[in-house]
N, C-alpha and C. Protein backbone atom coordinates (compact mmCIF):
# COMPACT_ATOMS: atom_id res chain seq x y z
N MET A 1 -127.01 165.32 -50.00
CA MET A 1 -127.50 163.98 -50.25
C MET A 1 -126.36 163.00 -50.01
N LYS A 2 -126.65 162.00 -49.21
CA LYS A 2 -125.66 160.98 -48.91
C LYS A 2 -125.94 159.75 -49.77
N PRO A 3 -124.97 159.34 -50.60
CA PRO A 3 -125.20 158.14 -51.41
C PRO A 3 -125.21 156.89 -50.54
N PRO A 4 -125.83 155.82 -51.03
CA PRO A 4 -125.86 154.57 -50.26
C PRO A 4 -124.49 153.92 -50.24
N ALA A 5 -124.37 152.88 -49.43
CA ALA A 5 -123.10 152.16 -49.33
C ALA A 5 -122.72 151.52 -50.66
N ILE A 6 -123.69 151.04 -51.40
CA ILE A 6 -123.43 150.48 -52.73
C ILE A 6 -124.19 151.33 -53.73
N SER A 7 -123.48 151.84 -54.72
CA SER A 7 -124.09 152.71 -55.73
C SER A 7 -124.04 152.03 -57.08
N PRO A 8 -125.16 151.51 -57.57
CA PRO A 8 -125.14 150.83 -58.86
C PRO A 8 -124.89 151.78 -60.02
N CYS A 9 -124.07 151.34 -60.95
CA CYS A 9 -123.82 152.07 -62.19
C CYS A 9 -124.11 151.09 -63.32
N LEU A 10 -125.19 151.36 -64.05
CA LEU A 10 -125.63 150.45 -65.11
C LEU A 10 -125.06 150.85 -66.45
N GLY A 11 -124.46 149.91 -67.14
CA GLY A 11 -124.04 150.14 -68.51
C GLY A 11 -125.27 150.08 -69.40
N VAL A 12 -125.49 151.11 -70.20
CA VAL A 12 -126.67 151.19 -71.06
C VAL A 12 -126.25 151.48 -72.50
N SER A 13 -127.07 151.08 -73.45
CA SER A 13 -126.72 151.29 -74.85
C SER A 13 -126.90 152.74 -75.28
N ASP A 14 -127.79 153.48 -74.63
CA ASP A 14 -128.05 154.88 -74.96
C ASP A 14 -128.40 155.60 -73.67
N THR A 15 -127.48 156.41 -73.18
CA THR A 15 -127.66 157.06 -71.89
C THR A 15 -128.91 157.93 -71.86
N GLN A 16 -129.13 158.74 -72.89
CA GLN A 16 -130.29 159.63 -72.88
C GLN A 16 -131.59 158.83 -72.93
N ALA A 17 -131.64 157.75 -73.69
CA ALA A 17 -132.84 156.91 -73.73
C ALA A 17 -133.11 156.30 -72.35
N ALA A 18 -132.05 155.88 -71.65
CA ALA A 18 -132.21 155.33 -70.31
C ALA A 18 -132.74 156.41 -69.37
N VAL A 19 -132.17 157.62 -69.44
CA VAL A 19 -132.64 158.73 -68.61
C VAL A 19 -134.11 159.02 -68.90
N ASP A 20 -134.47 159.08 -70.17
CA ASP A 20 -135.87 159.35 -70.55
C ASP A 20 -136.80 158.29 -69.97
N PHE A 21 -136.40 157.03 -70.05
CA PHE A 21 -137.20 155.94 -69.52
C PHE A 21 -137.40 156.10 -68.02
N TYR A 22 -136.31 156.28 -67.29
CA TYR A 22 -136.41 156.37 -65.84
C TYR A 22 -137.16 157.62 -65.39
N GLU A 23 -137.05 158.71 -66.13
CA GLU A 23 -137.82 159.91 -65.78
C GLU A 23 -139.32 159.65 -65.90
N LYS A 24 -139.75 158.85 -66.87
CA LYS A 24 -141.16 158.49 -66.99
C LYS A 24 -141.65 157.71 -65.77
N LEU A 25 -140.72 157.03 -65.11
CA LEU A 25 -141.06 156.22 -63.94
C LEU A 25 -140.96 157.00 -62.64
N GLY A 26 -140.69 158.30 -62.72
CA GLY A 26 -140.64 159.13 -61.52
C GLY A 26 -139.26 159.45 -61.00
N PHE A 27 -138.21 159.04 -61.72
CA PHE A 27 -136.85 159.37 -61.32
C PHE A 27 -136.51 160.78 -61.82
N THR A 28 -135.51 161.39 -61.22
CA THR A 28 -134.99 162.68 -61.65
C THR A 28 -133.52 162.49 -62.00
N ALA A 29 -133.12 162.97 -63.16
CA ALA A 29 -131.72 162.87 -63.58
C ALA A 29 -131.01 164.18 -63.28
N LEU A 30 -129.87 164.09 -62.64
CA LEU A 30 -129.06 165.29 -62.45
C LEU A 30 -128.47 165.68 -63.80
N PRO A 31 -128.24 166.96 -64.02
CA PRO A 31 -127.72 167.40 -65.32
C PRO A 31 -126.37 166.76 -65.66
N ALA A 32 -126.16 166.54 -66.96
CA ALA A 32 -124.88 166.02 -67.43
C ALA A 32 -123.85 167.12 -67.35
N ASP A 33 -122.58 166.75 -67.36
CA ASP A 33 -121.53 167.77 -67.28
C ASP A 33 -121.16 168.36 -68.63
N GLY A 34 -121.76 167.87 -69.70
CA GLY A 34 -121.51 168.44 -71.03
C GLY A 34 -120.37 167.80 -71.80
N ASP A 35 -119.63 166.90 -71.19
CA ASP A 35 -118.53 166.22 -71.87
C ASP A 35 -119.08 165.01 -72.61
N PRO A 36 -119.11 165.01 -73.96
CA PRO A 36 -119.69 163.88 -74.70
C PRO A 36 -118.93 162.57 -74.50
N GLN A 37 -117.69 162.64 -74.02
CA GLN A 37 -116.92 161.42 -73.75
C GLN A 37 -117.18 160.88 -72.35
N ASP A 38 -117.98 161.60 -71.57
CA ASP A 38 -118.28 161.17 -70.20
C ASP A 38 -119.75 161.45 -69.93
N ASP A 39 -120.62 160.54 -70.36
CA ASP A 39 -122.06 160.78 -70.25
C ASP A 39 -122.69 160.12 -69.03
N LEU A 40 -121.93 159.95 -67.97
CA LEU A 40 -122.44 159.40 -66.72
C LEU A 40 -123.56 160.29 -66.20
N ARG A 41 -124.70 159.69 -65.83
CA ARG A 41 -125.82 160.45 -65.27
C ARG A 41 -126.23 159.82 -63.95
N ILE A 42 -126.50 160.67 -62.98
CA ILE A 42 -126.97 160.24 -61.66
C ILE A 42 -128.48 160.39 -61.63
N LEU A 43 -129.16 159.35 -61.17
CA LEU A 43 -130.61 159.36 -61.09
C LEU A 43 -131.04 159.32 -59.63
N LEU A 44 -132.00 160.16 -59.30
CA LEU A 44 -132.57 160.23 -57.95
C LEU A 44 -133.99 159.68 -57.98
N PHE A 45 -134.43 159.15 -56.85
CA PHE A 45 -135.82 158.75 -56.69
C PHE A 45 -136.29 159.31 -55.37
N ASP A 46 -137.37 160.08 -55.42
CA ASP A 46 -137.86 160.79 -54.23
C ASP A 46 -136.75 161.62 -53.58
N GLY A 47 -135.91 162.23 -54.41
CA GLY A 47 -134.85 163.11 -53.92
C GLY A 47 -133.63 162.40 -53.37
N GLU A 48 -133.63 161.07 -53.41
CA GLU A 48 -132.51 160.30 -52.88
C GLU A 48 -131.78 159.59 -54.02
N PHE A 49 -130.47 159.43 -53.86
CA PHE A 49 -129.66 158.72 -54.85
C PHE A 49 -130.27 157.34 -55.10
N ALA A 50 -130.41 156.97 -56.39
CA ALA A 50 -130.92 155.65 -56.74
C ALA A 50 -129.88 154.84 -57.51
N LEU A 51 -129.34 155.43 -58.60
CA LEU A 51 -128.39 154.70 -59.43
C LEU A 51 -127.74 155.66 -60.42
N MET A 52 -126.77 155.14 -61.13
CA MET A 52 -126.12 155.88 -62.21
C MET A 52 -126.31 155.09 -63.49
N VAL A 53 -126.37 155.79 -64.63
CA VAL A 53 -126.36 155.13 -65.94
C VAL A 53 -125.21 155.71 -66.74
N TYR A 54 -124.60 154.85 -67.54
CA TYR A 54 -123.39 155.22 -68.26
C TYR A 54 -123.35 154.43 -69.57
N ARG A 55 -123.09 155.10 -70.67
CA ARG A 55 -123.05 154.41 -71.96
C ARG A 55 -122.08 153.23 -71.88
N ASP A 56 -122.52 152.08 -72.40
CA ASP A 56 -121.75 150.85 -72.26
C ASP A 56 -120.32 150.98 -72.79
N GLU A 57 -120.15 151.63 -73.94
CA GLU A 57 -118.78 151.75 -74.49
C GLU A 57 -117.88 152.59 -73.59
N HIS A 58 -118.45 153.60 -72.92
CA HIS A 58 -117.66 154.42 -72.00
C HIS A 58 -117.31 153.64 -70.73
N LEU A 59 -118.29 152.87 -70.24
CA LEU A 59 -118.05 152.06 -69.05
C LEU A 59 -117.00 151.00 -69.32
N ARG A 60 -117.05 150.37 -70.49
CA ARG A 60 -116.05 149.36 -70.84
C ARG A 60 -114.66 149.99 -70.98
N GLY A 61 -114.61 151.23 -71.48
CA GLY A 61 -113.34 151.94 -71.57
C GLY A 61 -112.80 152.31 -70.20
N TRP A 62 -113.70 152.63 -69.30
CA TRP A 62 -113.32 153.02 -67.94
C TRP A 62 -112.78 151.81 -67.17
N LEU A 63 -113.47 150.66 -67.32
CA LEU A 63 -113.06 149.43 -66.66
C LEU A 63 -112.98 148.32 -67.70
N PRO A 64 -111.83 148.15 -68.32
CA PRO A 64 -111.69 147.16 -69.39
C PRO A 64 -112.08 145.75 -69.01
N VAL A 65 -112.09 145.41 -67.72
CA VAL A 65 -112.49 144.07 -67.31
C VAL A 65 -113.94 143.80 -67.72
N LEU A 66 -114.71 144.86 -67.99
CA LEU A 66 -116.12 144.72 -68.39
C LEU A 66 -116.30 144.61 -69.90
N LYS A 67 -115.20 144.57 -70.66
CA LYS A 67 -115.28 144.68 -72.12
C LYS A 67 -116.19 143.66 -72.79
N ASP A 68 -116.33 142.47 -72.23
CA ASP A 68 -117.17 141.45 -72.85
C ASP A 68 -118.50 141.23 -72.12
N THR A 69 -118.79 142.07 -71.14
CA THR A 69 -120.02 141.92 -70.37
C THR A 69 -121.18 142.56 -71.14
N PRO A 70 -122.24 141.81 -71.38
CA PRO A 70 -123.37 142.37 -72.14
C PRO A 70 -124.17 143.38 -71.32
N VAL A 71 -124.78 144.31 -72.02
CA VAL A 71 -125.71 145.23 -71.37
C VAL A 71 -126.85 144.39 -70.83
N GLY A 72 -127.33 144.74 -69.63
CA GLY A 72 -128.40 143.97 -69.00
C GLY A 72 -127.89 142.70 -68.37
N ALA A 73 -126.65 142.72 -67.86
CA ALA A 73 -126.03 141.53 -67.27
C ALA A 73 -126.89 140.97 -66.15
N PHE A 74 -126.61 139.76 -65.75
CA PHE A 74 -127.39 139.03 -64.77
C PHE A 74 -127.46 139.77 -63.44
N GLY A 75 -128.63 139.78 -62.84
CA GLY A 75 -128.85 140.41 -61.55
C GLY A 75 -130.15 141.19 -61.56
N MET A 76 -130.50 141.77 -60.42
CA MET A 76 -131.69 142.61 -60.35
C MET A 76 -131.50 143.64 -59.26
N PHE A 77 -132.36 144.64 -59.32
CA PHE A 77 -132.30 145.74 -58.37
C PHE A 77 -133.68 145.90 -57.76
N TYR A 78 -133.73 146.38 -56.52
CA TYR A 78 -135.00 146.60 -55.84
C TYR A 78 -135.21 148.10 -55.64
N LEU A 79 -136.43 148.53 -55.96
CA LEU A 79 -136.84 149.92 -55.81
C LEU A 79 -137.95 149.97 -54.77
N ALA A 80 -137.68 150.60 -53.63
CA ALA A 80 -138.68 150.73 -52.57
C ALA A 80 -139.44 152.04 -52.75
N VAL A 81 -140.77 151.93 -52.78
CA VAL A 81 -141.63 153.10 -53.00
C VAL A 81 -142.58 153.28 -51.81
N ASP A 82 -143.08 154.51 -51.65
CA ASP A 82 -143.98 154.82 -50.54
C ASP A 82 -145.37 154.21 -50.72
N ASP A 83 -145.92 154.26 -51.92
CA ASP A 83 -147.27 153.74 -52.18
C ASP A 83 -147.18 152.73 -53.32
N PHE A 84 -147.01 151.47 -52.96
CA PHE A 84 -146.79 150.41 -53.94
C PHE A 84 -147.88 150.36 -54.99
N ASP A 85 -149.14 150.29 -54.57
CA ASP A 85 -150.24 150.12 -55.52
C ASP A 85 -150.35 151.29 -56.49
N ALA A 86 -150.24 152.50 -56.00
CA ALA A 86 -150.34 153.68 -56.87
C ALA A 86 -149.18 153.73 -57.85
N TYR A 87 -147.97 153.38 -57.40
CA TYR A 87 -146.81 153.42 -58.27
C TYR A 87 -146.93 152.38 -59.38
N ILE A 88 -147.35 151.17 -59.03
CA ILE A 88 -147.49 150.10 -60.03
C ILE A 88 -148.54 150.49 -61.06
N GLU A 89 -149.64 151.04 -60.61
CA GLU A 89 -150.68 151.47 -61.54
C GLU A 89 -150.14 152.50 -62.53
N ARG A 90 -149.31 153.41 -62.04
CA ARG A 90 -148.77 154.46 -62.89
C ARG A 90 -147.75 153.94 -63.90
N ILE A 91 -146.89 153.01 -63.49
CA ILE A 91 -145.80 152.58 -64.39
C ILE A 91 -146.15 151.38 -65.25
N ARG A 92 -147.15 150.61 -64.88
CA ARG A 92 -147.46 149.37 -65.62
C ARG A 92 -147.50 149.57 -67.14
N PRO A 93 -148.15 150.64 -67.66
CA PRO A 93 -148.18 150.79 -69.12
C PRO A 93 -146.83 151.19 -69.73
N LEU A 94 -145.87 151.54 -68.90
CA LEU A 94 -144.59 152.05 -69.39
C LEU A 94 -143.48 151.00 -69.40
N VAL A 95 -143.75 149.84 -68.83
CA VAL A 95 -142.69 148.85 -68.62
C VAL A 95 -143.07 147.51 -69.23
N THR A 96 -142.05 146.64 -69.35
CA THR A 96 -142.27 145.26 -69.75
C THR A 96 -142.31 144.43 -68.47
N VAL A 97 -143.49 143.93 -68.14
CA VAL A 97 -143.68 143.17 -66.90
C VAL A 97 -143.03 141.80 -67.05
N GLN A 98 -142.24 141.44 -66.05
CA GLN A 98 -141.62 140.11 -66.03
C GLN A 98 -142.31 139.19 -65.04
N LYS A 99 -142.78 139.75 -63.94
CA LYS A 99 -143.55 138.99 -62.95
C LYS A 99 -144.52 139.98 -62.34
N ASP A 100 -145.81 139.69 -62.53
CA ASP A 100 -146.82 140.62 -62.05
C ASP A 100 -146.87 140.62 -60.52
N VAL A 101 -147.68 141.50 -59.98
CA VAL A 101 -147.76 141.66 -58.52
C VAL A 101 -147.97 140.31 -57.86
N MET A 102 -147.13 140.06 -56.87
CA MET A 102 -147.18 138.82 -56.10
C MET A 102 -146.82 139.14 -54.66
N LYS A 103 -147.10 138.22 -53.79
CA LYS A 103 -146.71 138.39 -52.38
C LYS A 103 -145.65 137.36 -52.03
N HIS A 104 -144.66 137.82 -51.30
CA HIS A 104 -143.62 136.95 -50.78
C HIS A 104 -143.40 137.36 -49.34
N GLN A 105 -143.68 136.45 -48.42
CA GLN A 105 -143.56 136.74 -46.99
C GLN A 105 -144.31 138.03 -46.65
N SER A 106 -145.52 138.16 -47.09
CA SER A 106 -146.44 139.28 -46.86
C SER A 106 -146.01 140.61 -47.50
N GLN A 107 -144.99 140.56 -48.34
CA GLN A 107 -144.54 141.78 -49.03
C GLN A 107 -144.90 141.67 -50.51
N LYS A 108 -145.52 142.74 -51.05
CA LYS A 108 -145.86 142.77 -52.46
C LYS A 108 -144.61 143.07 -53.28
N LEU A 109 -144.50 142.38 -54.43
CA LEU A 109 -143.39 142.58 -55.36
C LEU A 109 -143.94 142.66 -56.78
N PHE A 110 -143.24 143.40 -57.62
CA PHE A 110 -143.60 143.55 -59.03
C PHE A 110 -142.29 143.69 -59.78
N TYR A 111 -142.06 142.84 -60.80
CA TYR A 111 -140.80 142.83 -61.52
C TYR A 111 -141.00 143.29 -62.97
N PHE A 112 -140.09 144.16 -63.43
CA PHE A 112 -140.11 144.60 -64.82
C PHE A 112 -138.69 144.75 -65.32
N THR A 113 -138.54 144.86 -66.64
CA THR A 113 -137.23 145.13 -67.21
C THR A 113 -137.22 146.52 -67.81
N ASP A 114 -136.03 147.12 -67.78
CA ASP A 114 -135.84 148.42 -68.43
C ASP A 114 -135.45 148.14 -69.89
N PRO A 115 -135.29 149.19 -70.71
CA PRO A 115 -134.98 148.96 -72.12
C PRO A 115 -133.65 148.24 -72.39
N ASN A 116 -132.77 148.17 -71.38
CA ASN A 116 -131.49 147.50 -71.56
C ASN A 116 -131.47 146.10 -70.97
N GLY A 117 -132.60 145.62 -70.48
CA GLY A 117 -132.69 144.27 -69.96
C GLY A 117 -132.45 144.12 -68.47
N TYR A 118 -132.21 145.23 -67.76
CA TYR A 118 -132.03 145.14 -66.31
C TYR A 118 -133.37 144.86 -65.65
N VAL A 119 -133.38 143.95 -64.69
CA VAL A 119 -134.60 143.61 -63.96
C VAL A 119 -134.68 144.48 -62.71
N ILE A 120 -135.83 145.09 -62.54
CA ILE A 120 -136.08 145.93 -61.37
C ILE A 120 -137.33 145.41 -60.68
N ALA A 121 -137.22 145.19 -59.39
CA ALA A 121 -138.35 144.76 -58.58
C ALA A 121 -138.82 145.94 -57.75
N VAL A 122 -140.10 146.20 -57.78
CA VAL A 122 -140.68 147.26 -56.96
C VAL A 122 -141.25 146.62 -55.71
N THR A 123 -141.02 147.27 -54.58
CA THR A 123 -141.51 146.80 -53.30
C THR A 123 -141.95 148.00 -52.46
N GLN A 124 -142.75 147.75 -51.47
CA GLN A 124 -143.19 148.80 -50.54
C GLN A 124 -142.02 149.18 -49.64
N LYS A 125 -141.80 150.48 -49.47
CA LYS A 125 -140.73 150.96 -48.59
C LYS A 125 -141.03 150.49 -47.17
N GLN A 126 -140.01 149.99 -46.48
CA GLN A 126 -140.16 149.49 -45.12
C GLN A 126 -139.08 150.04 -44.23
N THR A 127 -139.32 150.07 -42.97
CA THR A 127 -138.28 150.41 -42.01
C THR A 127 -137.71 149.11 -41.47
N TRP A 128 -136.44 149.09 -41.28
CA TRP A 128 -135.78 147.85 -40.84
C TRP A 128 -135.51 147.85 -39.37
């Protein structure tokens, strides 16, 4: 598996809770290494690297410049899926909707937040 050029690592308040949430949405978490001081988890979507989650206190220790950055900091992420309508129908009851299905330049978008306040937009997978 080749990771993307930019690999997001989200600071979360509870790594296992974040993993549980994303697994409900169809992500797969790679096993942890067993070190309680290093709870970084890699999440895949459709077998491809999607993101990493890491307990906020560990991430702040790793990069002290982040010490005052709140969990759920400003920004958003886009998740491209094969079947937009089916995926939205499946996850809608599991998420907090921030902006319901809309069209922008003929592309459907759906925005939700995860338990840590990160905004994720779902879009139809496209070829560029």
